[in-house]
Amino acid sequence: MAFLKAFAALLIALLVLVHFTCALQEGINNKPPAPSPQPPKPIDCTGSCKTRCSESSRPNLCNRACGSCCRTCHCVPPGTSGNYEACPCYFNLTTHNNTRKCP
């Protein structure tokens, strides 16, 4: 009879130990979720493209293409031409004929 009481006590102690071990592991593994990536900051595409296309010989066409690129890439390179390293997405957009889309 004493053997059964000792065995029952050992079994209960083992179950309690397993329970606390699992609870401890869950506490360690439960890290707060990573913050979601922030959406790109809104950019004034109209103003940026107006500056970009200010010296263009075809300002309407330039503004239309620039606006499309700006909405896709959320950036416009500074200046009236070049400076594509400031916005690689803007530089890499192409038309169906594989020519650069963005002025």
N, C-alpha and C. Protein backbone atom coordinates (compact mmCIF):
# COMPACT_ATOMS: atom_id res chain seq x y z
N MET A 1 0.82 -1.19 0.00
CA MET A 1 0.00 0.00 0.00
C MET A 1 0.87 1.25 0.00
N ALA A 2 1.97 1.22 0.75
CA ALA A 2 2.87 2.38 0.80
C ALA A 2 3.50 2.61 -0.56
N PHE A 3 3.76 1.49 -1.26
CA PHE A 3 4.34 1.61 -2.60
C PHE A 3 3.41 2.36 -3.54
N LEU A 4 2.11 2.09 -3.50
CA LEU A 4 1.14 2.76 -4.37
C LEU A 4 1.04 4.24 -4.05
N LYS A 5 1.09 4.59 -2.75
CA LYS A 5 1.03 6.01 -2.37
C LYS A 5 2.28 6.74 -2.87
N ALA A 6 3.43 6.12 -2.75
CA ALA A 6 4.68 6.74 -3.21
C ALA A 6 4.66 6.89 -4.74
N PHE A 7 4.17 5.85 -5.41
CA PHE A 7 4.08 5.90 -6.88
C PHE A 7 3.13 7.00 -7.33
N ALA A 8 1.97 7.14 -6.68
CA ALA A 8 1.00 8.18 -7.02
C ALA A 8 1.58 9.57 -6.78
N ALA A 9 2.31 9.73 -5.66
CA ALA A 9 2.92 11.03 -5.37
C ALA A 9 3.99 11.37 -6.41
N LEU A 10 4.78 10.37 -6.80
CA LEU A 10 5.81 10.58 -7.82
C LEU A 10 5.17 10.93 -9.17
N LEU A 11 4.10 10.26 -9.51
CA LEU A 11 3.40 10.52 -10.77
C LEU A 11 2.83 11.94 -10.79
N ILE A 12 2.22 12.36 -9.69
CA ILE A 12 1.67 13.72 -9.61
C ILE A 12 2.78 14.75 -9.70
N ALA A 13 3.89 14.52 -9.00
CA ALA A 13 5.02 15.44 -9.06
C ALA A 13 5.58 15.54 -10.48
N LEU A 14 5.65 14.41 -11.16
CA LEU A 14 6.14 14.39 -12.54
C LEU A 14 5.21 15.18 -13.46
N LEU A 15 3.91 15.01 -13.31
CA LEU A 15 2.95 15.74 -14.14
C LEU A 15 3.04 17.25 -13.89
N VAL A 16 3.19 17.64 -12.62
CA VAL A 16 3.33 19.06 -12.29
C VAL A 16 4.61 19.61 -12.91
N LEU A 17 5.68 18.86 -12.85
CA LEU A 17 6.95 19.29 -13.43
C LEU A 17 6.84 19.46 -14.95
N VAL A 18 6.19 18.51 -15.60
CA VAL A 18 5.99 18.60 -17.06
C VAL A 18 5.13 19.81 -17.40
N HIS A 19 4.09 20.04 -16.62
CA HIS A 19 3.21 21.18 -16.87
C HIS A 19 3.97 22.51 -16.77
N PHE A 20 4.77 22.67 -15.72
CA PHE A 20 5.53 23.91 -15.56
C PHE A 20 6.62 24.06 -16.61
N THR A 21 7.20 22.96 -17.03
CA THR A 21 8.21 23.02 -18.10
C THR A 21 7.58 23.49 -19.41
N CYS A 22 6.43 22.95 -19.73
CA CYS A 22 5.73 23.37 -20.96
C CYS A 22 5.32 24.85 -20.87
N ALA A 23 4.84 25.26 -19.73
CA ALA A 23 4.42 26.66 -19.55
C ALA A 23 5.63 27.58 -19.68
N LEU A 24 6.76 27.17 -19.17
CA LEU A 24 7.97 27.98 -19.26
C LEU A 24 8.43 28.11 -20.72
N GLN A 25 8.37 27.00 -21.45
CA GLN A 25 8.77 27.03 -22.86
C GLN A 25 7.84 27.91 -23.68
N GLU A 26 6.56 27.87 -23.41
CA GLU A 26 5.62 28.72 -24.12
C GLU A 26 5.90 30.19 -23.83
N GLY A 27 6.25 30.51 -22.61
CA GLY A 27 6.58 31.88 -22.24
C GLY A 27 7.82 32.37 -22.97
N ILE A 28 8.79 31.48 -23.15
CA ILE A 28 10.01 31.86 -23.87
C ILE A 28 9.74 32.03 -25.36
N ASN A 29 8.93 31.13 -25.92
CA ASN A 29 8.68 31.15 -27.37
C ASN A 29 7.66 32.19 -27.79
N ASN A 30 6.87 32.71 -26.87
CA ASN A 30 5.85 33.69 -27.24
C ASN A 30 6.47 35.08 -27.29
N LYS A 31 7.06 35.41 -28.40
CA LYS A 31 7.62 36.75 -28.61
C LYS A 31 6.51 37.63 -29.16
N PRO A 32 6.56 38.91 -28.90
CA PRO A 32 5.54 39.78 -29.48
C PRO A 32 5.67 39.75 -31.00
N PRO A 33 4.57 39.86 -31.71
CA PRO A 33 4.63 39.81 -33.17
C PRO A 33 5.44 40.98 -33.73
N ALA A 34 6.13 40.71 -34.81
CA ALA A 34 6.92 41.75 -35.46
C ALA A 34 5.98 42.82 -36.01
N PRO A 35 6.38 44.07 -35.93
CA PRO A 35 5.50 45.12 -36.47
C PRO A 35 5.37 44.97 -37.98
N SER A 36 4.19 45.26 -38.47
CA SER A 36 3.98 45.16 -39.92
C SER A 36 4.72 46.28 -40.62
N PRO A 37 5.18 46.02 -41.84
CA PRO A 37 5.92 47.07 -42.54
C PRO A 37 5.03 48.28 -42.80
N GLN A 38 5.62 49.43 -42.65
CA GLN A 38 4.87 50.67 -42.85
C GLN A 38 4.67 50.91 -44.35
N PRO A 39 3.48 51.35 -44.75
CA PRO A 39 3.29 51.68 -46.15
C PRO A 39 4.17 52.88 -46.51
N PRO A 40 4.53 52.99 -47.79
CA PRO A 40 5.38 54.12 -48.17
C PRO A 40 4.70 55.45 -47.85
N LYS A 41 5.52 56.43 -47.53
CA LYS A 41 4.97 57.75 -47.24
C LYS A 41 4.34 58.30 -48.51
N PRO A 42 3.18 58.93 -48.37
CA PRO A 42 2.55 59.50 -49.57
C PRO A 42 3.42 60.61 -50.14
N ILE A 43 3.48 60.65 -51.45
CA ILE A 43 4.29 61.65 -52.14
C ILE A 43 3.35 62.48 -53.02
N ASP A 44 3.66 63.74 -53.16
CA ASP A 44 2.89 64.62 -54.04
C ASP A 44 3.39 64.40 -55.46
N CYS A 45 2.78 63.43 -56.15
CA CYS A 45 3.23 63.09 -57.50
C CYS A 45 3.04 64.26 -58.47
N THR A 46 1.97 65.00 -58.32
CA THR A 46 1.72 66.10 -59.24
C THR A 46 2.82 67.14 -59.15
N GLY A 47 3.16 67.54 -57.94
CA GLY A 47 4.21 68.55 -57.76
C GLY A 47 5.58 68.05 -58.17
N SER A 48 5.89 66.81 -57.80
CA SER A 48 7.19 66.24 -58.14
C SER A 48 7.34 66.10 -59.64
N CYS A 49 6.28 65.66 -60.32
CA CYS A 49 6.35 65.48 -61.77
C CYS A 49 6.35 66.82 -62.50
N LYS A 50 5.69 67.81 -61.93
CA LYS A 50 5.71 69.14 -62.54
C LYS A 50 7.14 69.67 -62.56
N THR A 51 7.87 69.46 -61.46
CA THR A 51 9.28 69.87 -61.40
C THR A 51 10.11 69.04 -62.35
N ARG A 52 9.89 67.72 -62.36
CA ARG A 52 10.67 66.82 -63.21
C ARG A 52 10.48 67.14 -64.68
N CYS A 53 9.28 67.51 -65.07
CA CYS A 53 8.96 67.73 -66.48
C CYS A 53 9.00 69.20 -66.88
N SER A 54 9.53 70.07 -66.02
CA SER A 54 9.47 71.51 -66.29
C SER A 54 10.24 71.91 -67.55
N GLU A 55 11.27 71.18 -67.93
CA GLU A 55 12.06 71.53 -69.12
C GLU A 55 11.80 70.60 -70.29
N SER A 56 10.77 69.78 -70.20
CA SER A 56 10.47 68.83 -71.27
C SER A 56 9.88 69.54 -72.48
N SER A 57 10.17 69.01 -73.67
CA SER A 57 9.59 69.58 -74.89
C SER A 57 8.14 69.13 -75.05
N ARG A 58 7.76 68.05 -74.37
CA ARG A 58 6.37 67.56 -74.41
C ARG A 58 5.89 67.38 -72.97
N PRO A 59 5.54 68.49 -72.31
CA PRO A 59 5.22 68.42 -70.87
C PRO A 59 4.01 67.56 -70.54
N ASN A 60 2.99 67.54 -71.38
CA ASN A 60 1.81 66.73 -71.07
C ASN A 60 2.15 65.25 -71.07
N LEU A 61 2.87 64.79 -72.09
CA LEU A 61 3.29 63.40 -72.17
C LEU A 61 4.22 63.05 -71.00
N CYS A 62 5.15 63.95 -70.71
CA CYS A 62 6.09 63.74 -69.62
C CYS A 62 5.35 63.62 -68.28
N ASN A 63 4.41 64.52 -68.03
CA ASN A 63 3.66 64.50 -66.77
C ASN A 63 2.82 63.24 -66.64
N ARG A 64 2.24 62.78 -67.74
CA ARG A 64 1.42 61.57 -67.69
C ARG A 64 2.29 60.35 -67.36
N ALA A 65 3.43 60.22 -68.06
CA ALA A 65 4.32 59.09 -67.80
C ALA A 65 4.92 59.18 -66.40
N CYS A 66 5.34 60.35 -66.01
CA CYS A 66 5.93 60.55 -64.68
C CYS A 66 4.91 60.21 -63.59
N GLY A 67 3.68 60.65 -63.76
CA GLY A 67 2.63 60.38 -62.78
C GLY A 67 2.37 58.89 -62.62
N SER A 68 2.36 58.17 -63.73
CA SER A 68 2.17 56.73 -63.69
C SER A 68 3.32 56.05 -62.94
N CYS A 69 4.53 56.48 -63.24
CA CYS A 69 5.70 55.91 -62.57
C CYS A 69 5.71 56.26 -61.08
N CYS A 70 5.33 57.47 -60.76
CA CYS A 70 5.31 57.93 -59.37
C CYS A 70 4.30 57.13 -58.55
N ARG A 71 3.13 56.86 -59.11
CA ARG A 71 2.12 56.09 -58.40
C ARG A 71 2.59 54.65 -58.18
N THR A 72 3.37 54.11 -59.10
CA THR A 72 3.88 52.75 -58.95
C THR A 72 5.03 52.68 -57.96
N CYS A 73 5.97 53.62 -58.08
CA CYS A 73 7.22 53.56 -57.30
C CYS A 73 7.19 54.39 -56.02
N HIS A 74 6.25 55.29 -55.89
CA HIS A 74 6.16 56.19 -54.73
C HIS A 74 7.40 57.06 -54.59
N CYS A 75 8.02 57.40 -55.70
CA CYS A 75 9.15 58.33 -55.67
C CYS A 75 9.39 58.88 -57.07
N VAL A 76 10.02 60.04 -57.13
CA VAL A 76 10.43 60.66 -58.39
C VAL A 76 11.84 61.17 -58.16
N PRO A 77 12.78 60.86 -59.07
CA PRO A 77 14.15 61.35 -58.88
C PRO A 77 14.18 62.87 -58.90
N PRO A 78 15.11 63.48 -58.15
CA PRO A 78 15.20 64.94 -58.14
C PRO A 78 15.74 65.47 -59.46
N GLY A 79 15.46 66.72 -59.72
CA GLY A 79 15.97 67.36 -60.93
C GLY A 79 15.08 67.13 -62.14
N THR A 80 15.54 67.64 -63.28
CA THR A 80 14.74 67.53 -64.51
C THR A 80 15.13 66.33 -65.35
N SER A 81 16.27 65.71 -65.08
CA SER A 81 16.67 64.49 -65.78
C SER A 81 17.74 63.78 -64.98
N GLY A 82 17.94 62.49 -65.31
CA GLY A 82 18.97 61.72 -64.62
C GLY A 82 18.62 61.47 -63.16
N ASN A 83 19.63 61.30 -62.34
CA ASN A 83 19.50 61.05 -60.89
C ASN A 83 18.67 59.80 -60.59
N TYR A 84 18.72 58.81 -61.48
CA TYR A 84 17.90 57.61 -61.32
C TYR A 84 18.32 56.78 -60.11
N GLU A 85 19.56 56.95 -59.63
CA GLU A 85 20.01 56.17 -58.48
C GLU A 85 19.19 56.51 -57.22
N ALA A 86 18.54 57.67 -57.22
CA ALA A 86 17.71 58.06 -56.08
C ALA A 86 16.41 57.26 -56.04
N CYS A 87 16.02 56.68 -57.17
CA CYS A 87 14.76 55.93 -57.25
C CYS A 87 14.93 54.81 -58.29
N PRO A 88 15.54 53.69 -57.92
CA PRO A 88 15.80 52.61 -58.88
C PRO A 88 14.54 52.06 -59.53
N CYS A 89 13.44 52.00 -58.79
CA CYS A 89 12.19 51.50 -59.35
C CYS A 89 11.78 52.35 -60.54
N TYR A 90 11.90 53.65 -60.40
CA TYR A 90 11.55 54.60 -61.46
C TYR A 90 12.38 54.32 -62.71
N PHE A 91 13.65 54.01 -62.51
CA PHE A 91 14.56 53.75 -63.62
C PHE A 91 14.24 52.42 -64.31
N ASN A 92 13.80 51.42 -63.54
CA ASN A 92 13.64 50.07 -64.08
C ASN A 92 12.30 49.80 -64.75
N LEU A 93 11.34 50.70 -64.65
CA LEU A 93 10.05 50.47 -65.32
C LEU A 93 10.23 50.62 -66.83
N THR A 94 9.64 49.67 -67.58
CA THR A 94 9.76 49.71 -69.05
C THR A 94 8.38 49.59 -69.69
N THR A 95 8.33 49.98 -70.96
CA THR A 95 7.11 49.84 -71.75
C THR A 95 7.08 48.44 -72.35
N HIS A 96 6.06 48.16 -73.17
CA HIS A 96 5.97 46.86 -73.83
C HIS A 96 7.12 46.65 -74.81
N ASN A 97 7.72 47.74 -75.30
CA ASN A 97 8.84 47.64 -76.24
C ASN A 97 10.20 47.62 -75.51
N ASN A 98 10.18 47.43 -74.21
CA ASN A 98 11.39 47.39 -73.38
C ASN A 98 12.18 48.67 -73.45
N THR A 99 11.51 49.80 -73.63
CA THR A 99 12.17 51.11 -73.51
C THR A 99 11.78 51.67 -72.15
N ARG A 100 12.59 52.57 -71.63
CA ARG A 100 12.30 53.14 -70.32
C ARG A 100 11.00 53.94 -70.38
N LYS A 101 10.15 53.68 -69.41
CA LYS A 101 8.84 54.33 -69.37
C LYS A 101 8.88 55.70 -68.73
N CYS A 102 9.75 55.85 -67.72
CA CYS A 102 9.72 57.04 -66.90
C CYS A 102 10.71 58.09 -67.37
N PRO A 103 10.25 59.34 -67.49
CA PRO A 103 11.14 60.41 -67.98
C PRO A 103 12.18 60.83 -66.94
